ModelCIF file with pLDDT and N, C-alpha, C, O atoms, coordinates in Angstrom:
data_MODEL
#
_entry.id   MODEL 
#
_entity.id                         1 
_entity.type                       polymer 
_entity.pdbx_number_of_molecules   1 
#
_entity_poly.entity_id                      1 
_entity_poly.type                           'polypeptide(L)' 
_entity_poly.nstd_linkage                   no 
_entity_poly.nstd_monomer                   no 
_entity_poly.pdbx_seq_one_letter_code       LRPEATYILGKAYFHKGVDFYDESITTLLESIKLKYSAADTWEYLAL 
_entity_poly.pdbx_seq_one_letter_code_can   LRPEATYILGKAYFHKGVDFYDESITTLLESIKLKYSAADTWEYLAL 
_entity_poly.pdbx_strand_id                 A 
#
loop_
_entity_poly_seq.entity_id 
_entity_poly_seq.num 
_entity_poly_seq.mon_id 
_entity_poly_seq.hetero 
1 1  LEU n 
1 2  ARG n 
1 3  PRO n 
1 4  GLU n 
1 5  ALA n 
1 6  THR n 
1 7  TYR n 
1 8  ILE n 
1 9  LEU n 
1 10 GLY n 
1 11 LYS n 
1 12 ALA n 
1 13 TYR n 
1 14 PHE n 
1 15 HIS n 
1 16 LYS n 
1 17 GLY n 
1 18 VAL n 
1 19 ASP n 
1 20 PHE n 
1 21 TYR n 
1 22 ASP n 
1 23 GLU n 
1 24 SER n 
1 25 ILE n 
1 26 THR n 
1 27 THR n 
1 28 LEU n 
1 29 LEU n 
1 30 GLU n 
1 31 SER n 
1 32 ILE n 
1 33 LYS n 
1 34 LEU n 
1 35 LYS n 
1 36 TYR n 
1 37 SER n 
1 38 ALA n 
1 39 ALA n 
1 40 ASP n 
1 41 THR n 
1 42 TRP n 
1 43 GLU n 
1 44 TYR n 
1 45 LEU n 
1 46 ALA n 
1 47 LEU n 
#
_struct_asym.id          A 
_struct_asym.entity_id   1 
#
loop_
_ma_qa_metric.id 
_ma_qa_metric.mode 
_ma_qa_metric.name 
_ma_qa_metric.software_group_id 
_ma_qa_metric.type 
1 global pLDDT . pLDDT 
2 local  pLDDT . pLDDT 
#
_ma_qa_metric_global.metric_id      1 
_ma_qa_metric_global.metric_value   96.45 
_ma_qa_metric_global.model_id       1 
_ma_qa_metric_global.ordinal_id     1 
#
loop_
_ma_qa_metric_local.label_asym_id 
_ma_qa_metric_local.label_comp_id 
_ma_qa_metric_local.label_seq_id 
_ma_qa_metric_local.metric_id 
_ma_qa_metric_local.metric_value 
_ma_qa_metric_local.model_id 
_ma_qa_metric_local.ordinal_id 
A LEU 1  2 96.00 1 1  
A ARG 2  2 97.00 1 2  
A PRO 3  2 97.00 1 3  
A GLU 4  2 97.00 1 4  
A ALA 5  2 98.00 1 5  
A THR 6  2 98.00 1 6  
A TYR 7  2 98.00 1 7  
A ILE 8  2 98.00 1 8  
A LEU 9  2 98.00 1 9  
A GLY 10 2 98.00 1 10 
A LYS 11 2 98.00 1 11 
A ALA 12 2 98.00 1 12 
A TYR 13 2 98.00 1 13 
A PHE 14 2 98.00 1 14 
A HIS 15 2 97.00 1 15 
A LYS 16 2 96.00 1 16 
A GLY 17 2 95.00 1 17 
A VAL 18 2 96.00 1 18 
A ASP 19 2 97.00 1 19 
A PHE 20 2 98.00 1 20 
A TYR 21 2 98.00 1 21 
A ASP 22 2 98.00 1 22 
A GLU 23 2 98.00 1 23 
A SER 24 2 98.00 1 24 
A ILE 25 2 98.00 1 25 
A THR 26 2 98.00 1 26 
A THR 27 2 98.00 1 27 
A LEU 28 2 98.00 1 28 
A LEU 29 2 97.00 1 29 
A GLU 30 2 97.00 1 30 
A SER 31 2 97.00 1 31 
A ILE 32 2 97.00 1 32 
A LYS 33 2 97.00 1 33 
A LEU 34 2 96.00 1 34 
A LYS 35 2 96.00 1 35 
A TYR 36 2 96.00 1 36 
A SER 37 2 89.00 1 37 
A ALA 38 2 91.00 1 38 
A ALA 39 2 84.00 1 39 
A ASP 40 2 94.00 1 40 
A THR 41 2 96.00 1 41 
A TRP 42 2 96.00 1 42 
A GLU 43 2 95.00 1 43 
A TYR 44 2 97.00 1 44 
A LEU 45 2 97.00 1 45 
A ALA 46 2 96.00 1 46 
A LEU 47 2 95.00 1 47 
#
loop_
_atom_site.group_PDB 
_atom_site.id 
_atom_site.type_symbol 
_atom_site.label_atom_id 
_atom_site.label_alt_id 
_atom_site.label_comp_id 
_atom_site.label_asym_id 
_atom_site.label_entity_id 
_atom_site.label_seq_id 
_atom_site.pdbx_PDB_ins_code 
_atom_site.Cartn_x 
_atom_site.Cartn_y 
_atom_site.Cartn_z 
_atom_site.occupancy 
_atom_site.B_iso_or_equiv 
_atom_site.pdbx_formal_charge 
_atom_site.auth_seq_id 
_atom_site.auth_comp_id 
_atom_site.auth_asym_id 
_atom_site.auth_atom_id 
_atom_site.pdbx_PDB_model_num 
ATOM 1   N N  . LEU A 1 1  ? 75.180 74.394 114.422 1.00 96.00 ? 1  LEU A N  1 
ATOM 2   C CA . LEU A 1 1  ? 75.629 76.213 113.715 1.00 96.00 ? 1  LEU A CA 1 
ATOM 3   C C  . LEU A 1 1  ? 76.940 75.981 114.703 1.00 96.00 ? 1  LEU A C  1 
ATOM 4   O O  . LEU A 1 1  ? 76.839 76.479 115.824 1.00 96.00 ? 1  LEU A O  1 
ATOM 5   N N  . ARG A 1 2  ? 78.168 75.265 114.386 1.00 97.00 ? 2  ARG A N  1 
ATOM 6   C CA . ARG A 1 2  ? 79.106 75.204 114.371 1.00 97.00 ? 2  ARG A CA 1 
ATOM 7   C C  . ARG A 1 2  ? 80.135 76.718 114.263 1.00 97.00 ? 2  ARG A C  1 
ATOM 8   O O  . ARG A 1 2  ? 80.649 77.143 115.297 1.00 97.00 ? 2  ARG A O  1 
ATOM 9   N N  . PRO A 1 3  ? 80.347 77.423 112.960 1.00 97.00 ? 3  PRO A N  1 
ATOM 10  C CA . PRO A 1 3  ? 80.821 78.485 113.079 1.00 97.00 ? 3  PRO A CA 1 
ATOM 11  C C  . PRO A 1 3  ? 80.108 79.622 114.168 1.00 97.00 ? 3  PRO A C  1 
ATOM 12  O O  . PRO A 1 3  ? 80.805 80.061 115.082 1.00 97.00 ? 3  PRO A O  1 
ATOM 13  N N  . GLU A 1 4  ? 78.756 80.044 114.019 1.00 97.00 ? 4  GLU A N  1 
ATOM 14  C CA . GLU A 1 4  ? 78.429 80.841 115.151 1.00 97.00 ? 4  GLU A CA 1 
ATOM 15  C C  . GLU A 1 4  ? 78.186 80.562 115.982 1.00 97.00 ? 4  GLU A C  1 
ATOM 16  O O  . GLU A 1 4  ? 77.335 81.236 116.562 1.00 97.00 ? 4  GLU A O  1 
ATOM 17  N N  . ALA A 1 5  ? 78.687 79.498 116.582 1.00 98.00 ? 5  ALA A N  1 
ATOM 18  C CA . ALA A 1 5  ? 79.074 79.239 118.240 1.00 98.00 ? 5  ALA A CA 1 
ATOM 19  C C  . ALA A 1 5  ? 80.394 79.424 119.011 1.00 98.00 ? 5  ALA A C  1 
ATOM 20  O O  . ALA A 1 5  ? 80.829 79.696 120.131 1.00 98.00 ? 5  ALA A O  1 
ATOM 21  N N  . THR A 1 6  ? 80.819 79.083 117.623 1.00 98.00 ? 6  THR A N  1 
ATOM 22  C CA . THR A 1 6  ? 82.316 79.460 117.789 1.00 98.00 ? 6  THR A CA 1 
ATOM 23  C C  . THR A 1 6  ? 82.774 80.811 117.599 1.00 98.00 ? 6  THR A C  1 
ATOM 24  O O  . THR A 1 6  ? 83.947 81.129 117.797 1.00 98.00 ? 6  THR A O  1 
ATOM 25  N N  . TYR A 1 7  ? 81.555 81.912 117.079 1.00 98.00 ? 7  TYR A N  1 
ATOM 26  C CA . TYR A 1 7  ? 82.297 83.130 116.975 1.00 98.00 ? 7  TYR A CA 1 
ATOM 27  C C  . TYR A 1 7  ? 81.423 83.474 118.402 1.00 98.00 ? 7  TYR A C  1 
ATOM 28  O O  . TYR A 1 7  ? 82.148 84.043 119.218 1.00 98.00 ? 7  TYR A O  1 
ATOM 29  N N  . ILE A 1 8  ? 79.855 83.229 118.945 1.00 98.00 ? 8  ILE A N  1 
ATOM 30  C CA . ILE A 1 8  ? 79.942 83.879 120.396 1.00 98.00 ? 8  ILE A CA 1 
ATOM 31  C C  . ILE A 1 8  ? 80.990 83.325 121.020 1.00 98.00 ? 8  ILE A C  1 
ATOM 32  O O  . ILE A 1 8  ? 81.843 83.980 121.618 1.00 98.00 ? 8  ILE A O  1 
ATOM 33  N N  . LEU A 1 9  ? 80.977 81.947 120.900 1.00 98.00 ? 9  LEU A N  1 
ATOM 34  C CA . LEU A 1 9  ? 82.117 81.883 122.119 1.00 98.00 ? 9  LEU A CA 1 
ATOM 35  C C  . LEU A 1 9  ? 83.737 82.568 122.368 1.00 98.00 ? 9  LEU A C  1 
ATOM 36  O O  . LEU A 1 9  ? 84.543 82.692 123.290 1.00 98.00 ? 9  LEU A O  1 
ATOM 37  N N  . GLY A 1 10 ? 83.595 82.975 120.624 1.00 98.00 ? 10 GLY A N  1 
ATOM 38  C CA . GLY A 1 10 ? 84.979 84.222 120.862 1.00 98.00 ? 10 GLY A CA 1 
ATOM 39  C C  . GLY A 1 10 ? 84.738 85.820 121.385 1.00 98.00 ? 10 GLY A C  1 
ATOM 40  O O  . GLY A 1 10 ? 85.695 86.510 121.734 1.00 98.00 ? 10 GLY A O  1 
ATOM 41  N N  . LYS A 1 11 ? 83.668 86.205 121.394 1.00 98.00 ? 11 LYS A N  1 
ATOM 42  C CA . LYS A 1 11 ? 83.210 87.357 122.078 1.00 98.00 ? 11 LYS A CA 1 
ATOM 43  C C  . LYS A 1 11 ? 82.484 87.022 123.544 1.00 98.00 ? 11 LYS A C  1 
ATOM 44  O O  . LYS A 1 11 ? 82.052 87.962 124.212 1.00 98.00 ? 11 LYS A O  1 
ATOM 45  N N  . ALA A 1 12 ? 82.373 85.716 123.995 1.00 98.00 ? 12 ALA A N  1 
ATOM 46  C CA . ALA A 1 12 ? 82.486 85.753 125.081 1.00 98.00 ? 12 ALA A CA 1 
ATOM 47  C C  . ALA A 1 12 ? 83.525 85.576 126.594 1.00 98.00 ? 12 ALA A C  1 
ATOM 48  O O  . ALA A 1 12 ? 83.580 85.697 127.818 1.00 98.00 ? 12 ALA A O  1 
ATOM 49  N N  . TYR A 1 13 ? 84.455 85.074 124.945 1.00 98.00 ? 13 TYR A N  1 
ATOM 50  C CA . TYR A 1 13 ? 85.399 85.157 126.073 1.00 98.00 ? 13 TYR A CA 1 
ATOM 51  C C  . TYR A 1 13 ? 86.094 86.905 126.677 1.00 98.00 ? 13 TYR A C  1 
ATOM 52  O O  . TYR A 1 13 ? 86.524 87.250 127.777 1.00 98.00 ? 13 TYR A O  1 
ATOM 53  N N  . PHE A 1 14 ? 85.923 87.696 125.315 1.00 98.00 ? 14 PHE A N  1 
ATOM 54  C CA . PHE A 1 14 ? 86.515 88.870 125.722 1.00 98.00 ? 14 PHE A CA 1 
ATOM 55  C C  . PHE A 1 14 ? 85.563 89.983 126.321 1.00 98.00 ? 14 PHE A C  1 
ATOM 56  O O  . PHE A 1 14 ? 85.946 91.134 126.533 1.00 98.00 ? 14 PHE A O  1 
ATOM 57  N N  . HIS A 1 15 ? 84.166 89.482 126.595 1.00 97.00 ? 15 HIS A N  1 
ATOM 58  C CA . HIS A 1 15 ? 83.379 90.464 128.443 1.00 97.00 ? 15 HIS A CA 1 
ATOM 59  C C  . HIS A 1 15 ? 84.037 89.361 129.244 1.00 97.00 ? 15 HIS A C  1 
ATOM 60  O O  . HIS A 1 15 ? 83.385 89.052 130.241 1.00 97.00 ? 15 HIS A O  1 
ATOM 61  N N  . LYS A 1 16 ? 85.117 88.716 129.071 1.00 96.00 ? 16 LYS A N  1 
ATOM 62  C CA . LYS A 1 16 ? 85.704 87.833 130.583 1.00 96.00 ? 16 LYS A CA 1 
ATOM 63  C C  . LYS A 1 16 ? 86.559 88.485 130.613 1.00 96.00 ? 16 LYS A C  1 
ATOM 64  O O  . LYS A 1 16 ? 87.357 88.379 131.545 1.00 96.00 ? 16 LYS A O  1 
ATOM 65  N N  . GLY A 1 17 ? 86.769 89.572 129.452 1.00 95.00 ? 17 GLY A N  1 
ATOM 66  C CA . GLY A 1 17 ? 88.119 90.425 130.033 1.00 95.00 ? 17 GLY A CA 1 
ATOM 67  C C  . GLY A 1 17 ? 89.123 89.896 129.888 1.00 95.00 ? 17 GLY A C  1 
ATOM 68  O O  . GLY A 1 17 ? 89.360 88.702 129.707 1.00 95.00 ? 17 GLY A O  1 
ATOM 69  N N  . VAL A 1 18 ? 90.404 91.562 130.027 1.00 96.00 ? 18 VAL A N  1 
ATOM 70  C CA . VAL A 1 18 ? 91.814 91.684 129.020 1.00 96.00 ? 18 VAL A CA 1 
ATOM 71  C C  . VAL A 1 18 ? 92.165 90.057 129.421 1.00 96.00 ? 18 VAL A C  1 
ATOM 72  O O  . VAL A 1 18 ? 92.365 89.488 128.348 1.00 96.00 ? 18 VAL A O  1 
ATOM 73  N N  . ASP A 1 19 ? 92.325 89.035 130.619 1.00 97.00 ? 19 ASP A N  1 
ATOM 74  C CA . ASP A 1 19 ? 92.851 87.771 130.771 1.00 97.00 ? 19 ASP A CA 1 
ATOM 75  C C  . ASP A 1 19 ? 92.488 86.911 129.971 1.00 97.00 ? 19 ASP A C  1 
ATOM 76  O O  . ASP A 1 19 ? 93.193 85.902 129.929 1.00 97.00 ? 19 ASP A O  1 
ATOM 77  N N  . PHE A 1 20 ? 91.454 86.969 129.184 1.00 98.00 ? 20 PHE A N  1 
ATOM 78  C CA . PHE A 1 20 ? 90.856 85.706 127.986 1.00 98.00 ? 20 PHE A CA 1 
ATOM 79  C C  . PHE A 1 20 ? 90.988 86.687 126.733 1.00 98.00 ? 20 PHE A C  1 
ATOM 80  O O  . PHE A 1 20 ? 89.963 86.510 126.073 1.00 98.00 ? 20 PHE A O  1 
ATOM 81  N N  . TYR A 1 21 ? 91.677 87.504 126.201 1.00 98.00 ? 21 TYR A N  1 
ATOM 82  C CA . TYR A 1 21 ? 91.615 88.309 125.129 1.00 98.00 ? 21 TYR A CA 1 
ATOM 83  C C  . TYR A 1 21 ? 92.071 87.673 123.740 1.00 98.00 ? 21 TYR A C  1 
ATOM 84  O O  . TYR A 1 21 ? 91.767 87.831 122.557 1.00 98.00 ? 21 TYR A O  1 
ATOM 85  N N  . ASP A 1 22 ? 93.108 86.731 124.599 1.00 98.00 ? 22 ASP A N  1 
ATOM 86  C CA . ASP A 1 22 ? 94.007 85.785 122.980 1.00 98.00 ? 22 ASP A CA 1 
ATOM 87  C C  . ASP A 1 22 ? 93.402 85.135 122.916 1.00 98.00 ? 22 ASP A C  1 
ATOM 88  O O  . ASP A 1 22 ? 93.061 84.941 121.749 1.00 98.00 ? 22 ASP A O  1 
ATOM 89  N N  . GLU A 1 23 ? 92.581 84.051 124.162 1.00 98.00 ? 23 GLU A N  1 
ATOM 90  C CA . GLU A 1 23 ? 91.702 82.845 124.361 1.00 98.00 ? 23 GLU A CA 1 
ATOM 91  C C  . GLU A 1 23 ? 90.165 84.084 122.780 1.00 98.00 ? 23 GLU A C  1 
ATOM 92  O O  . GLU A 1 23 ? 89.545 83.471 121.912 1.00 98.00 ? 23 GLU A O  1 
ATOM 93  N N  . SER A 1 24 ? 90.134 84.508 122.831 1.00 98.00 ? 24 SER A N  1 
ATOM 94  C CA . SER A 1 24 ? 89.034 85.841 122.580 1.00 98.00 ? 24 SER A CA 1 
ATOM 95  C C  . SER A 1 24 ? 89.574 85.417 120.750 1.00 98.00 ? 24 SER A C  1 
ATOM 96  O O  . SER A 1 24 ? 89.221 84.542 119.960 1.00 98.00 ? 24 SER A O  1 
ATOM 97  N N  . ILE A 1 25 ? 90.342 86.294 120.699 1.00 98.00 ? 25 ILE A N  1 
ATOM 98  C CA . ILE A 1 25 ? 90.918 86.333 119.680 1.00 98.00 ? 25 ILE A CA 1 
ATOM 99  C C  . ILE A 1 25 ? 91.394 84.906 118.873 1.00 98.00 ? 25 ILE A C  1 
ATOM 100 O O  . ILE A 1 25 ? 91.392 85.040 117.649 1.00 98.00 ? 25 ILE A O  1 
ATOM 101 N N  . THR A 1 26 ? 91.700 83.897 119.246 1.00 98.00 ? 26 THR A N  1 
ATOM 102 C CA . THR A 1 26 ? 92.449 83.065 118.680 1.00 98.00 ? 26 THR A CA 1 
ATOM 103 C C  . THR A 1 26 ? 90.738 82.002 118.182 1.00 98.00 ? 26 THR A C  1 
ATOM 104 O O  . THR A 1 26 ? 90.710 81.247 117.211 1.00 98.00 ? 26 THR A O  1 
ATOM 105 N N  . THR A 1 27 ? 89.854 82.176 118.868 1.00 98.00 ? 27 THR A N  1 
ATOM 106 C CA . THR A 1 27 ? 88.633 81.312 118.885 1.00 98.00 ? 27 THR A CA 1 
ATOM 107 C C  . THR A 1 27 ? 88.113 82.758 117.298 1.00 98.00 ? 27 THR A C  1 
ATOM 108 O O  . THR A 1 27 ? 88.076 82.226 116.189 1.00 98.00 ? 27 THR A O  1 
ATOM 109 N N  . LEU A 1 28 ? 87.874 83.889 117.308 1.00 98.00 ? 28 LEU A N  1 
ATOM 110 C CA . LEU A 1 28 ? 86.903 84.785 116.709 1.00 98.00 ? 28 LEU A CA 1 
ATOM 111 C C  . LEU A 1 28 ? 87.784 84.266 115.308 1.00 98.00 ? 28 LEU A C  1 
ATOM 112 O O  . LEU A 1 28 ? 87.069 84.112 114.317 1.00 98.00 ? 28 LEU A O  1 
ATOM 113 N N  . LEU A 1 29 ? 89.126 84.005 115.138 1.00 97.00 ? 29 LEU A N  1 
ATOM 114 C CA . LEU A 1 29 ? 90.086 84.050 114.089 1.00 97.00 ? 29 LEU A CA 1 
ATOM 115 C C  . LEU A 1 29 ? 89.304 82.542 113.808 1.00 97.00 ? 29 LEU A C  1 
ATOM 116 O O  . LEU A 1 29 ? 88.553 82.415 112.841 1.00 97.00 ? 29 LEU A O  1 
ATOM 117 N N  . GLU A 1 30 ? 89.431 82.002 114.268 1.00 97.00 ? 30 GLU A N  1 
ATOM 118 C CA . GLU A 1 30 ? 88.683 80.538 114.055 1.00 97.00 ? 30 GLU A CA 1 
ATOM 119 C C  . GLU A 1 30 ? 86.961 80.251 113.539 1.00 97.00 ? 30 GLU A C  1 
ATOM 120 O O  . GLU A 1 30 ? 86.706 79.177 112.994 1.00 97.00 ? 30 GLU A O  1 
ATOM 121 N N  . SER A 1 31 ? 85.965 81.173 113.737 1.00 97.00 ? 31 SER A N  1 
ATOM 122 C CA . SER A 1 31 ? 85.213 81.423 112.669 1.00 97.00 ? 31 SER A CA 1 
ATOM 123 C C  . SER A 1 31 ? 84.846 81.956 111.957 1.00 97.00 ? 31 SER A C  1 
ATOM 124 O O  . SER A 1 31 ? 83.708 82.110 111.515 1.00 97.00 ? 31 SER A O  1 
ATOM 125 N N  . ILE A 1 32 ? 86.379 82.583 111.574 1.00 97.00 ? 32 ILE A N  1 
ATOM 126 C CA . ILE A 1 32 ? 86.267 83.175 110.205 1.00 97.00 ? 32 ILE A CA 1 
ATOM 127 C C  . ILE A 1 32 ? 86.922 81.994 109.198 1.00 97.00 ? 32 ILE A C  1 
ATOM 128 O O  . ILE A 1 32 ? 86.794 81.999 107.973 1.00 97.00 ? 32 ILE A O  1 
ATOM 129 N N  . LYS A 1 33 ? 87.776 80.803 110.112 1.00 97.00 ? 33 LYS A N  1 
ATOM 130 C CA . LYS A 1 33 ? 87.883 79.879 108.990 1.00 97.00 ? 33 LYS A CA 1 
ATOM 131 C C  . LYS A 1 33 ? 86.917 79.262 108.253 1.00 97.00 ? 33 LYS A C  1 
ATOM 132 O O  . LYS A 1 33 ? 86.798 78.883 107.088 1.00 97.00 ? 33 LYS A O  1 
ATOM 133 N N  . LEU A 1 34 ? 86.143 79.264 109.419 1.00 96.00 ? 34 LEU A N  1 
ATOM 134 C CA . LEU A 1 34 ? 84.628 78.734 109.286 1.00 96.00 ? 34 LEU A CA 1 
ATOM 135 C C  . LEU A 1 34 ? 83.562 79.264 108.473 1.00 96.00 ? 34 LEU A C  1 
ATOM 136 O O  . LEU A 1 34 ? 82.351 79.044 108.459 1.00 96.00 ? 34 LEU A O  1 
ATOM 137 N N  . LYS A 1 35 ? 84.384 80.085 107.738 1.00 96.00 ? 35 LYS A N  1 
ATOM 138 C CA . LYS A 1 35 ? 83.368 81.196 107.040 1.00 96.00 ? 35 LYS A CA 1 
ATOM 139 C C  . LYS A 1 35 ? 82.659 81.497 107.643 1.00 96.00 ? 35 LYS A C  1 
ATOM 140 O O  . LYS A 1 35 ? 81.572 81.171 107.166 1.00 96.00 ? 35 LYS A O  1 
ATOM 141 N N  . TYR A 1 36 ? 82.503 82.300 109.087 1.00 96.00 ? 36 TYR A N  1 
ATOM 142 C CA . TYR A 1 36 ? 82.152 82.974 109.842 1.00 96.00 ? 36 TYR A CA 1 
ATOM 143 C C  . TYR A 1 36 ? 82.151 84.256 110.422 1.00 96.00 ? 36 TYR A C  1 
ATOM 144 O O  . TYR A 1 36 ? 83.020 84.426 111.278 1.00 96.00 ? 36 TYR A O  1 
ATOM 145 N N  . SER A 1 37 ? 81.316 85.315 110.154 1.00 89.00 ? 37 SER A N  1 
ATOM 146 C CA . SER A 1 37 ? 82.475 86.877 110.208 1.00 89.00 ? 37 SER A CA 1 
ATOM 147 C C  . SER A 1 37 ? 80.655 87.887 110.573 1.00 89.00 ? 37 SER A C  1 
ATOM 148 O O  . SER A 1 37 ? 79.649 87.550 109.948 1.00 89.00 ? 37 SER A O  1 
ATOM 149 N N  . ALA A 1 38 ? 80.635 88.418 111.057 1.00 91.00 ? 38 ALA A N  1 
ATOM 150 C CA . ALA A 1 38 ? 79.375 89.115 111.780 1.00 91.00 ? 38 ALA A CA 1 
ATOM 151 C C  . ALA A 1 38 ? 80.158 90.534 111.363 1.00 91.00 ? 38 ALA A C  1 
ATOM 152 O O  . ALA A 1 38 ? 81.324 90.562 110.969 1.00 91.00 ? 38 ALA A O  1 
ATOM 153 N N  . ALA A 1 39 ? 79.242 91.784 111.534 1.00 84.00 ? 39 ALA A N  1 
ATOM 154 C CA . ALA A 1 39 ? 79.727 93.146 110.809 1.00 84.00 ? 39 ALA A CA 1 
ATOM 155 C C  . ALA A 1 39 ? 80.586 93.258 112.221 1.00 84.00 ? 39 ALA A C  1 
ATOM 156 O O  . ALA A 1 39 ? 81.335 94.221 112.060 1.00 84.00 ? 39 ALA A O  1 
ATOM 157 N N  . ASP A 1 40 ? 80.774 92.765 113.362 1.00 94.00 ? 40 ASP A N  1 
ATOM 158 C CA . ASP A 1 40 ? 81.535 93.590 114.604 1.00 94.00 ? 40 ASP A CA 1 
ATOM 159 C C  . ASP A 1 40 ? 82.594 91.958 114.584 1.00 94.00 ? 40 ASP A C  1 
ATOM 160 O O  . ASP A 1 40 ? 83.220 92.040 115.642 1.00 94.00 ? 40 ASP A O  1 
ATOM 161 N N  . THR A 1 41 ? 82.892 91.024 114.094 1.00 96.00 ? 41 THR A N  1 
ATOM 162 C CA . THR A 1 41 ? 83.937 90.311 113.928 1.00 96.00 ? 41 THR A CA 1 
ATOM 163 C C  . THR A 1 41 ? 85.071 90.924 114.337 1.00 96.00 ? 41 THR A C  1 
ATOM 164 O O  . THR A 1 41 ? 85.648 90.449 115.315 1.00 96.00 ? 41 THR A O  1 
ATOM 165 N N  . TRP A 1 42 ? 85.474 91.793 113.845 1.00 96.00 ? 42 TRP A N  1 
ATOM 166 C CA . TRP A 1 42 ? 86.643 92.919 113.153 1.00 96.00 ? 42 TRP A CA 1 
ATOM 167 C C  . TRP A 1 42 ? 86.905 94.070 114.347 1.00 96.00 ? 42 TRP A C  1 
ATOM 168 O O  . TRP A 1 42 ? 87.969 94.589 114.686 1.00 96.00 ? 42 TRP A O  1 
ATOM 169 N N  . GLU A 1 43 ? 85.757 94.248 114.781 1.00 95.00 ? 43 GLU A N  1 
ATOM 170 C CA . GLU A 1 43 ? 85.898 95.124 115.922 1.00 95.00 ? 43 GLU A CA 1 
ATOM 171 C C  . GLU A 1 43 ? 86.526 94.358 117.184 1.00 95.00 ? 43 GLU A C  1 
ATOM 172 O O  . GLU A 1 43 ? 87.601 94.749 117.638 1.00 95.00 ? 43 GLU A O  1 
ATOM 173 N N  . TYR A 1 44 ? 85.914 93.365 117.699 1.00 97.00 ? 44 TYR A N  1 
ATOM 174 C CA . TYR A 1 44 ? 86.195 92.381 119.016 1.00 97.00 ? 44 TYR A CA 1 
ATOM 175 C C  . TYR A 1 44 ? 87.857 92.005 118.571 1.00 97.00 ? 44 TYR A C  1 
ATOM 176 O O  . TYR A 1 44 ? 88.708 92.021 119.461 1.00 97.00 ? 44 TYR A O  1 
ATOM 177 N N  . LEU A 1 45 ? 88.243 91.674 117.152 1.00 97.00 ? 45 LEU A N  1 
ATOM 178 C CA . LEU A 1 45 ? 89.330 91.648 117.026 1.00 97.00 ? 45 LEU A CA 1 
ATOM 179 C C  . LEU A 1 45 ? 90.225 92.555 117.614 1.00 97.00 ? 45 LEU A C  1 
ATOM 180 O O  . LEU A 1 45 ? 91.006 92.307 118.533 1.00 97.00 ? 45 LEU A O  1 
ATOM 181 N N  . ALA A 1 46 ? 90.038 93.808 116.927 1.00 96.00 ? 46 ALA A N  1 
ATOM 182 C CA . ALA A 1 46 ? 90.808 94.883 117.003 1.00 96.00 ? 46 ALA A CA 1 
ATOM 183 C C  . ALA A 1 46 ? 91.283 95.576 118.308 1.00 96.00 ? 46 ALA A C  1 
ATOM 184 O O  . ALA A 1 46 ? 92.315 96.151 118.655 1.00 96.00 ? 46 ALA A O  1 
ATOM 185 N N  . LEU A 1 47 ? 89.600 95.153 119.118 1.00 95.00 ? 47 LEU A N  1 
ATOM 186 C CA . LEU A 1 47 ? 89.626 95.787 120.104 1.00 95.00 ? 47 LEU A CA 1 
ATOM 187 C C  . LEU A 1 47 ? 90.530 94.955 121.631 1.00 95.00 ? 47 LEU A C  1 
ATOM 188 O O  . LEU A 1 47 ? 90.604 95.552 122.705 1.00 95.00 ? 47 LEU A O  1 
#
């Protein structure tokens, strides 16, 4: 489940707070490259 795990990792970084937003963005963009995006991927990236 590499693509999904990458997506969840990106969201987990986001929920750690603003100090982890850079990692969240990098990881979520990586999940999109792996052809995985959910309805909330763009919202997390935007926030």
